[in-house]
């Protein structure tokens, strides 16, 4: 009996020591995160304009709406977004479009216009205009009437680090201003149908990719075109995921390396990348593009699917500072009619420097590991390695 009591005490004390060590470790992580300093307010004219435009929108909100929309930088709401439309009465965090007056919505559109290029703003306008109509056709009365939410992070009036998120059906943009820097990652653009009001919403994203593919010779195409199933590899954010950034290392060496392209082909690759990067306002996109160009020879281009405009395709561009994916999700009338794209930062800059220790997994992991997906007909072109280990991490 005494031995049992002694054994239990030893186990208990050991557990306490381990818990204390883990607590110290976790505290160190928290302290490290707190050491990230809010930037000084930028005096750069373009940043001053962004802040003023955002402040005009913030000032138009009632105290109740502003409080509902506001979160500190690094809050879990930064990672909580989805390409799916919210259902009626679902709380996605922030302010739903339907809660805004016409004047308030107009002021927010000015915010978007300030951050986005003309092309980027046009895409956002087409996506947000069409979504409500199509959702009503699918299931009238179920989906939110204006399926988009605005979340605000930080305060541009008092700090040089702040951002906001536009989250909703086929659109999620995560903006961050940090001093003189502006970023928009992750960014999800999707559309169904592909043509809205006579305009192909993601036409340059498809056209530039096909132009690059068709410029390749036989040996280059053999490296580029992969076997397997189409499907985005890195999906929406989730507040329950314990990962800061997805490990992209499995994709190094997969596809055609840009160093194997001639100058003309490399320019076509740059044109393809630009069709995503230059959704951001040109001044900030130029800075981003310089970072991408610095590692252009280490970029990989991979393709799955057919090779014509009528075919359903998937491709990705994997550069040291940008991850781009395009996938045709469905067809109608014999042609692709439902597209998802995503842009992320594989160098750990998703959500900016304020990202906490949580973030995206691959979309495949999301569907396999989450209980609410009992069945799935999603198609993927790779399988999970060490899924059991990932599942153990998930339960910690």
Protein backbone atom coordinates (compact mmCIF):
# COMPACT_ATOMS: atom_id res chain seq x y z
CA UNK A 1 0.00 0.00 0.00
CA UNK A 2 2.79 2.37 0.95
CA UNK A 3 4.57 1.56 -2.30
CA UNK A 4 1.44 2.40 -4.27
CA UNK A 5 1.05 5.71 -2.49
CA UNK A 6 4.74 6.46 -3.04
CA UNK A 7 4.43 5.57 -6.73
CA UNK A 8 1.35 7.78 -7.12
CA UNK A 9 3.17 10.69 -5.47
CA UNK A 10 6.14 10.28 -7.81
CA UNK A 11 3.83 10.23 -10.85
CA UNK A 12 1.96 13.29 -9.56
CA UNK A 13 5.15 15.23 -8.87
CA UNK A 14 6.55 14.30 -12.28
CA UNK A 15 3.36 15.50 -13.95
CA UNK A 16 3.58 18.79 -12.03
CA UNK A 17 7.18 19.31 -13.13
CA UNK A 18 6.30 18.61 -16.77
CA UNK A 19 3.30 20.94 -16.57
CA UNK A 20 5.47 23.66 -15.09
CA UNK A 21 8.04 23.26 -17.85
CA UNK A 22 5.35 23.39 -20.52
CA UNK A 23 3.85 26.45 -18.88
CA UNK A 24 7.22 28.19 -18.89
CA UNK A 25 7.69 27.24 -22.53
CA UNK A 26 4.26 28.52 -23.48
CA UNK A 27 4.83 31.70 -21.50
CA UNK A 28 8.07 32.23 -23.38
CA UNK A 29 6.16 31.89 -26.64
CA UNK A 30 3.59 34.43 -25.49
CA UNK A 31 6.31 36.82 -24.35
CA UNK A 32 8.05 36.42 -27.70
CA UNK A 33 4.83 37.29 -29.46
CA UNK A 34 4.36 40.34 -27.22
CA UNK A 35 7.83 41.54 -28.17
CA UNK A 36 6.60 42.15 -31.72
CA UNK A 37 6.29 45.89 -31.74
CA UNK A 38 3.53 47.90 -33.28
CA UNK A 39 5.10 50.02 -36.00
CA UNK A 40 5.25 53.78 -35.82
CA UNK A 41 2.61 55.58 -37.83
CA UNK A 42 3.90 55.92 -41.38
CA UNK A 43 4.37 59.33 -42.95
CA UNK A 44 4.44 57.83 -46.44
CA UNK A 45 1.72 59.67 -48.44
CA UNK A 46 0.10 56.52 -49.78
CA UNK A 47 -0.07 54.95 -46.30
CA UNK A 48 -1.46 58.17 -44.85
CA UNK A 49 -4.18 58.01 -47.50
CA UNK A 50 -5.00 54.40 -46.63
CA UNK A 51 -5.29 55.26 -42.95
CA UNK A 52 -7.46 58.30 -43.63
CA UNK A 53 -9.79 56.28 -45.85
CA UNK A 54 -10.11 53.56 -43.22
CA UNK A 55 -10.69 56.12 -40.48
CA UNK A 56 -13.53 57.66 -42.47
CA UNK A 57 -15.20 54.26 -42.62
CA UNK A 58 -14.58 53.58 -38.92
CA UNK A 59 -15.95 56.99 -37.95
CA UNK A 60 -19.16 56.28 -39.87
CA UNK A 61 -19.91 53.25 -37.69
CA UNK A 62 -21.96 53.37 -34.54
CA UNK A 63 -20.10 52.49 -31.36
CA UNK A 64 -21.95 49.16 -31.34
CA UNK A 65 -20.91 48.24 -34.88
CA UNK A 66 -17.33 49.42 -34.41
CA UNK A 67 -16.99 47.37 -31.23
CA UNK A 68 -18.46 44.30 -32.93
CA UNK A 69 -15.99 44.60 -35.80
CA UNK A 70 -12.81 45.42 -33.86
CA UNK A 71 -10.16 42.95 -32.71
CA UNK A 72 -6.54 43.25 -31.59
CA UNK A 73 -3.82 42.29 -34.04
CA UNK A 74 -3.08 38.58 -33.83
CA UNK A 75 -6.59 37.71 -32.67
CA UNK A 76 -7.91 34.31 -33.77
CA UNK A 77 -10.44 36.05 -36.03
CA UNK A 78 -7.52 36.84 -38.34
CA UNK A 79 -7.42 33.15 -39.21
CA UNK A 80 -11.14 32.51 -39.20
CA UNK A 81 -12.34 32.78 -42.77
CA UNK A 82 -13.94 30.56 -45.38
CA UNK A 83 -14.75 30.56 -49.06
CA UNK A 84 -18.19 29.16 -48.18
CA UNK A 85 -21.10 31.57 -47.89
CA UNK A 86 -22.41 32.16 -44.36
CA UNK A 87 -25.87 30.84 -43.61
CA UNK A 88 -28.58 33.16 -42.36
CA UNK A 89 -27.93 34.28 -38.74
CA UNK A 90 -24.45 32.70 -38.74
CA UNK A 91 -21.86 34.78 -36.89
CA UNK A 92 -18.64 34.90 -38.89
CA UNK A 93 -17.09 37.66 -36.78
CA UNK A 94 -17.14 41.35 -37.67
CA UNK A 95 -19.88 43.30 -39.44
CA UNK A 96 -22.14 41.73 -42.03
CA UNK A 97 -22.71 43.83 -45.16
CA UNK A 98 -26.45 43.83 -44.45
CA UNK A 99 -25.81 45.77 -41.22
CA UNK A 100 -24.27 48.69 -43.11
CA UNK A 101 -26.17 51.62 -44.53
CA UNK A 102 -25.66 52.61 -48.14
CA UNK A 103 -23.31 55.42 -47.11
CA UNK A 104 -21.29 53.13 -44.83
CA UNK A 105 -20.95 50.50 -47.52
CA UNK A 106 -19.86 53.18 -49.97
CA UNK A 107 -17.14 54.28 -47.54
CA UNK A 108 -15.92 50.70 -47.19
CA UNK A 109 -15.81 50.36 -50.98
CA UNK A 110 -13.52 53.40 -50.97
CA UNK A 111 -11.26 51.53 -48.55
CA UNK A 112 -11.11 48.57 -50.92
CA UNK A 113 -10.51 50.87 -53.87
CA UNK A 114 -7.56 52.46 -52.04
CA UNK A 115 -5.92 49.11 -51.32
CA UNK A 116 -6.66 47.42 -54.64
CA UNK A 117 -5.66 48.09 -58.21
CA UNK A 118 -8.35 48.81 -60.78
CA UNK A 119 -8.27 45.16 -61.87
CA UNK A 120 -8.40 43.92 -58.29
CA UNK A 121 -11.29 46.18 -57.39
CA UNK A 122 -13.20 45.12 -60.52
CA UNK A 123 -12.84 41.45 -59.56
CA UNK A 124 -14.08 42.13 -56.03
CA UNK A 125 -17.03 44.13 -57.35
CA UNK A 126 -18.06 41.43 -59.81
CA UNK A 127 -17.75 38.64 -57.24
CA UNK A 128 -19.70 40.43 -54.50
CA UNK A 129 -22.39 41.64 -56.89
CA UNK A 130 -23.20 38.25 -58.35
CA UNK A 131 -22.99 35.97 -55.33
CA UNK A 132 -26.33 36.87 -53.76
CA UNK A 133 -28.27 36.14 -56.95
CA UNK A 134 -26.78 32.69 -57.41
CA UNK A 135 -27.16 31.73 -53.75
CA UNK A 136 -30.88 32.46 -53.84
CA UNK A 137 -31.21 30.09 -56.79
CA UNK A 138 -29.47 27.33 -54.84
CA UNK A 139 -31.48 27.56 -51.62
CA UNK A 140 -33.73 30.55 -51.15
CA UNK A 141 -33.95 31.89 -47.59
CA UNK A 142 -31.03 29.85 -46.22
CA UNK A 143 -27.97 31.93 -47.04
CA UNK A 144 -27.24 35.38 -45.68
CA UNK A 145 -28.59 38.11 -47.97
CA UNK A 146 -25.20 39.87 -48.23
CA UNK A 147 -22.74 37.04 -47.47
CA UNK A 148 -19.68 39.14 -46.56
CA UNK A 149 -18.20 40.23 -43.24
CA UNK A 150 -15.71 42.96 -42.32
CA UNK A 151 -13.33 42.53 -39.38
CA UNK A 152 -11.00 45.31 -38.24
CA UNK A 153 -7.63 44.70 -36.56
CA UNK A 154 -5.68 47.35 -34.69
CA UNK A 155 -6.34 51.07 -34.88
CA UNK A 156 -4.95 53.28 -37.69
CA UNK A 157 -5.64 56.41 -35.61
CA UNK A 158 -3.17 55.47 -32.90
CA UNK A 159 -0.85 52.82 -34.40
CA UNK A 160 1.20 52.17 -37.51
CA UNK A 161 0.18 48.49 -37.57
CA UNK A 162 -3.41 47.66 -38.44
CA UNK A 163 -5.43 45.65 -40.91
CA UNK A 164 -8.79 44.32 -41.91
CA UNK A 165 -10.41 41.25 -43.39
CA UNK A 166 -13.16 40.91 -45.96
CA UNK A 167 -14.57 37.41 -45.56
CA UNK A 168 -17.42 35.78 -47.46
CA UNK A 169 -18.63 33.77 -50.40
CA UNK A 170 -15.84 33.24 -52.94
CA UNK A 171 -13.81 36.08 -51.46
CA UNK A 172 -11.47 36.48 -48.52
CA UNK A 173 -8.88 39.23 -48.39
CA UNK A 174 -6.56 39.74 -45.41
CA UNK A 175 -4.90 43.16 -45.48
CA UNK A 176 -2.17 44.35 -43.14
CA UNK A 177 -0.45 47.73 -42.87
CA UNK A 178 2.78 47.63 -40.88
CA UNK A 179 4.71 50.88 -41.03
CA UNK A 180 5.43 51.48 -44.71
CA UNK A 181 4.51 47.91 -45.69
CA UNK A 182 1.21 46.66 -47.08
CA UNK A 183 0.32 43.00 -47.65
CA UNK A 184 -2.73 40.96 -48.66
CA UNK A 185 -2.14 37.31 -47.75
CA UNK A 186 -3.93 35.02 -47.65
CA UNK A 187 -6.15 36.09 -50.54
CA UNK A 188 -8.91 33.93 -51.95
CA UNK A 189 -10.73 34.87 -55.17
CA UNK A 190 -13.39 32.55 -56.52
CA UNK A 191 -16.27 32.87 -58.91
CA UNK A 192 -19.34 31.03 -60.14
CA UNK A 193 -20.15 31.63 -62.95
CA UNK A 194 -16.86 32.46 -64.63
CA UNK A 195 -18.46 35.28 -66.62
CA UNK A 196 -20.30 38.07 -64.80
CA UNK A 197 -21.97 40.88 -66.75
CA UNK A 198 -20.03 39.80 -69.83
CA UNK A 199 -16.65 39.92 -68.08
CA UNK A 200 -14.52 36.85 -67.37
CA UNK A 201 -13.77 37.47 -63.70
CA UNK A 202 -10.53 35.45 -63.56
CA UNK A 203 -9.74 35.53 -67.25
CA UNK A 204 -6.12 36.68 -66.98
CA UNK A 205 -5.41 34.00 -64.38
CA UNK A 206 -6.51 31.33 -66.87
CA UNK A 207 -5.26 32.96 -70.06
CA UNK A 208 -1.74 33.73 -68.81
CA UNK A 209 -1.38 30.19 -67.46
CA UNK A 210 -2.36 28.64 -70.79
CA UNK A 211 0.00 31.00 -72.61
CA UNK A 212 2.88 29.84 -70.43
CA UNK A 213 1.95 26.16 -70.79
CA UNK A 214 1.65 26.38 -74.57
CA UNK A 215 5.09 28.00 -74.83
CA UNK A 216 6.78 24.96 -73.29
CA UNK A 217 8.49 22.28 -75.36
CA UNK A 218 7.85 18.58 -74.92
CA UNK A 219 10.49 17.95 -72.24
CA UNK A 220 9.39 21.02 -70.27
CA UNK A 221 5.75 19.90 -70.38
CA UNK A 222 6.74 16.48 -69.10
CA UNK A 223 8.15 18.14 -65.98
CA UNK A 224 5.22 20.53 -65.63
CA UNK A 225 2.20 18.27 -66.11
CA UNK A 226 1.59 16.07 -63.08
CA UNK A 227 -0.54 12.98 -62.59
CA UNK A 228 -3.28 12.99 -60.02
CA UNK A 229 -6.43 14.84 -59.15
CA UNK A 230 -7.11 18.53 -59.15
CA UNK A 231 -7.77 20.49 -55.97
CA UNK A 232 -6.38 23.31 -53.87
CA UNK A 233 -3.68 22.14 -51.48
CA UNK A 234 -3.94 24.93 -48.92
CA UNK A 235 -7.45 25.78 -47.84
CA UNK A 236 -9.31 28.26 -45.66
CA UNK A 237 -8.15 29.39 -42.25
CA UNK A 238 -9.50 27.89 -39.06
CA UNK A 239 -9.28 29.13 -35.50
CA UNK A 240 -8.88 25.55 -34.22
CA UNK A 241 -5.81 24.69 -36.26
CA UNK A 242 -2.60 24.52 -34.20
CA UNK A 243 -0.26 25.36 -37.08
CA UNK A 244 1.28 28.74 -37.80
CA UNK A 245 2.07 28.03 -41.44
CA UNK A 246 1.71 25.00 -43.64
CA UNK A 247 4.92 23.16 -44.46
CA UNK A 248 5.39 23.72 -48.20
CA UNK A 249 8.60 21.70 -48.38
CA UNK A 250 6.85 18.68 -49.94
CA UNK A 251 6.33 20.75 -53.09
CA UNK A 252 9.97 21.76 -53.61
CA UNK A 253 11.14 20.15 -56.83
CA UNK A 254 7.62 19.28 -58.03
CA UNK A 255 6.97 20.69 -61.48
CA UNK A 256 9.10 22.73 -63.87
CA UNK A 257 11.73 24.96 -62.31
CA UNK A 258 11.90 28.50 -63.68
CA UNK A 259 15.66 28.24 -64.13
CA UNK A 260 14.86 25.80 -66.96
CA UNK A 261 12.83 28.45 -68.84
CA UNK A 262 14.17 30.74 -71.55
CA UNK A 263 13.79 34.50 -71.16
CA UNK A 264 10.52 34.65 -73.10
CA UNK A 265 8.97 31.83 -71.09
CA UNK A 266 10.18 33.35 -67.84
CA UNK A 267 8.43 36.59 -68.77
CA UNK A 268 5.22 34.63 -69.32
CA UNK A 269 5.66 33.15 -65.85
CA UNK A 270 6.05 36.67 -64.46
CA UNK A 271 2.90 37.76 -66.30
CA UNK A 272 1.02 34.90 -64.67
CA UNK A 273 2.26 35.83 -61.22
CA UNK A 274 1.42 39.48 -61.84
CA UNK A 275 -2.21 38.61 -62.56
CA UNK A 276 -2.43 37.78 -58.85
CA UNK A 277 0.06 40.18 -57.28
CA UNK A 278 -1.32 43.24 -59.04
CA UNK A 279 -4.73 42.83 -57.49
CA UNK A 280 -2.98 44.90 -54.82
CA UNK A 281 -2.54 48.62 -55.53
CA UNK A 282 0.37 49.09 -57.94
CA UNK A 283 2.79 50.85 -55.57
CA UNK A 284 2.66 48.00 -53.07
CA UNK A 285 2.46 45.29 -55.73
CA UNK A 286 5.71 46.61 -57.25
CA UNK A 287 7.47 46.06 -53.92
CA UNK A 288 6.02 42.55 -53.62
CA UNK A 289 7.02 41.72 -57.19
CA UNK A 290 10.64 42.72 -56.51
CA UNK A 291 10.74 40.18 -53.69
CA UNK A 292 9.31 37.53 -56.01
CA UNK A 293 11.77 38.38 -58.80
CA UNK A 294 14.66 37.92 -56.38
CA UNK A 295 13.78 34.21 -56.22
CA UNK A 296 12.28 33.77 -59.67
CA UNK A 297 14.73 31.04 -60.72
CA UNK A 298 13.67 28.98 -57.70
CA UNK A 299 10.01 29.07 -58.75
CA UNK A 300 8.16 25.85 -59.65
CA UNK A 301 5.23 25.60 -62.04
CA UNK A 302 2.97 22.53 -61.89
CA UNK A 303 -0.14 21.67 -63.90
CA UNK A 304 -2.91 19.05 -63.71
CA UNK A 305 -5.76 18.58 -66.17
CA UNK A 306 -6.43 19.44 -69.79
CA UNK A 307 -4.53 21.98 -71.83
CA UNK A 308 -7.22 24.02 -73.61
CA UNK A 309 -9.61 26.80 -72.58
CA UNK A 310 -12.49 24.32 -72.53
CA UNK A 311 -10.72 21.93 -70.16
CA UNK A 312 -10.89 21.84 -66.38
CA UNK A 313 -7.44 22.66 -65.06
CA UNK A 314 -5.40 23.07 -61.91
CA UNK A 315 -2.04 24.78 -61.62
CA UNK A 316 0.21 26.21 -58.96
CA UNK A 317 3.15 28.58 -58.83
CA UNK A 318 5.49 28.04 -55.91
CA UNK A 319 8.00 30.85 -55.35
CA UNK A 320 10.02 31.39 -52.15
CA UNK A 321 7.77 34.36 -51.28
CA UNK A 322 4.44 33.50 -52.92
CA UNK A 323 2.21 30.45 -53.33
CA UNK A 324 -0.48 30.62 -56.02
CA UNK A 325 -3.14 28.04 -56.88
CA UNK A 326 -5.92 27.94 -59.46
CA UNK A 327 -8.54 25.21 -59.72
CA UNK A 328 -11.67 24.61 -61.77
CA UNK A 329 -14.16 23.27 -59.26
CA UNK A 330 -17.08 22.44 -61.57
CA UNK A 331 -18.38 22.61 -65.13
CA UNK A 332 -21.56 23.81 -66.81
CA UNK A 333 -22.49 23.59 -70.44
CA UNK A 334 -19.33 21.64 -71.20
CA UNK A 335 -17.00 24.36 -69.89
CA UNK A 336 -15.45 25.24 -66.52
CA UNK A 337 -17.86 27.46 -64.62
CA UNK A 338 -16.65 27.52 -61.01
CA UNK A 339 -13.15 28.66 -60.04
CA UNK A 340 -11.19 28.87 -56.79
CA UNK A 341 -7.82 30.59 -56.48
CA UNK A 342 -5.61 31.26 -53.49
CA UNK A 343 -2.48 33.28 -52.76
CA UNK A 344 -0.36 32.68 -49.67
CA UNK A 345 3.11 33.48 -48.34
CA UNK A 346 5.20 30.30 -47.92
CA UNK A 347 7.94 32.31 -46.18
CA UNK A 348 5.87 32.59 -42.99
CA UNK A 349 4.28 35.98 -43.68
CA UNK A 350 0.66 34.88 -43.93
CA UNK A 351 -1.39 37.34 -41.85
CA UNK A 352 1.74 39.45 -41.40
CA UNK A 353 4.13 39.33 -38.46
CA UNK A 354 1.27 39.27 -35.98
CA UNK A 355 0.26 35.68 -36.73
CA UNK A 356 -0.09 33.58 -33.62
CA UNK A 357 0.62 29.87 -33.36
CA UNK A 358 -2.32 28.78 -35.46
CA UNK A 359 -3.16 28.91 -39.13
CA UNK A 360 -3.88 26.87 -42.25
CA UNK A 361 -3.51 23.21 -42.92
CA UNK A 362 -3.82 21.66 -46.32
CA UNK A 363 -7.39 21.43 -47.51
CA UNK A 364 -7.04 17.64 -47.64
CA UNK A 365 -6.09 17.53 -43.96
CA UNK A 366 -9.10 19.70 -43.15
CA UNK A 367 -11.49 17.30 -44.85
CA UNK A 368 -9.88 14.15 -43.48
CA UNK A 369 -9.37 15.25 -39.87
CA UNK A 370 -12.47 17.33 -39.10
CA UNK A 371 -15.44 15.35 -37.81
CA UNK A 372 -18.06 17.44 -39.59
CA UNK A 373 -16.83 16.15 -42.95
CA UNK A 374 -18.04 12.56 -42.74
CA UNK A 375 -18.09 12.27 -46.52
CA UNK A 376 -16.28 14.17 -49.22
CA UNK A 377 -16.01 13.97 -52.99
CA UNK A 378 -13.22 16.55 -53.07
CA UNK A 379 -10.39 15.62 -55.44
CA UNK A 380 -6.72 15.91 -54.52
CA UNK A 381 -3.50 15.13 -56.37
CA UNK A 382 -1.49 13.97 -53.36
CA UNK A 383 -1.90 12.03 -50.15
CA UNK A 384 -1.09 12.89 -46.56
CA UNK A 385 2.19 11.64 -45.18
CA UNK A 386 2.26 10.89 -41.45
CA UNK A 387 -1.45 11.56 -41.10
CA UNK A 388 -1.47 9.79 -37.75
CA UNK A 389 1.16 12.17 -36.42
CA UNK A 390 -0.87 15.14 -37.68
CA UNK A 391 -3.94 13.76 -35.93
CA UNK A 392 -1.99 13.50 -32.67
CA UNK A 393 -0.97 17.15 -33.00
CA UNK A 394 -4.58 18.10 -33.62
CA UNK A 395 -5.67 16.56 -30.31
CA UNK A 396 -3.02 18.19 -28.17
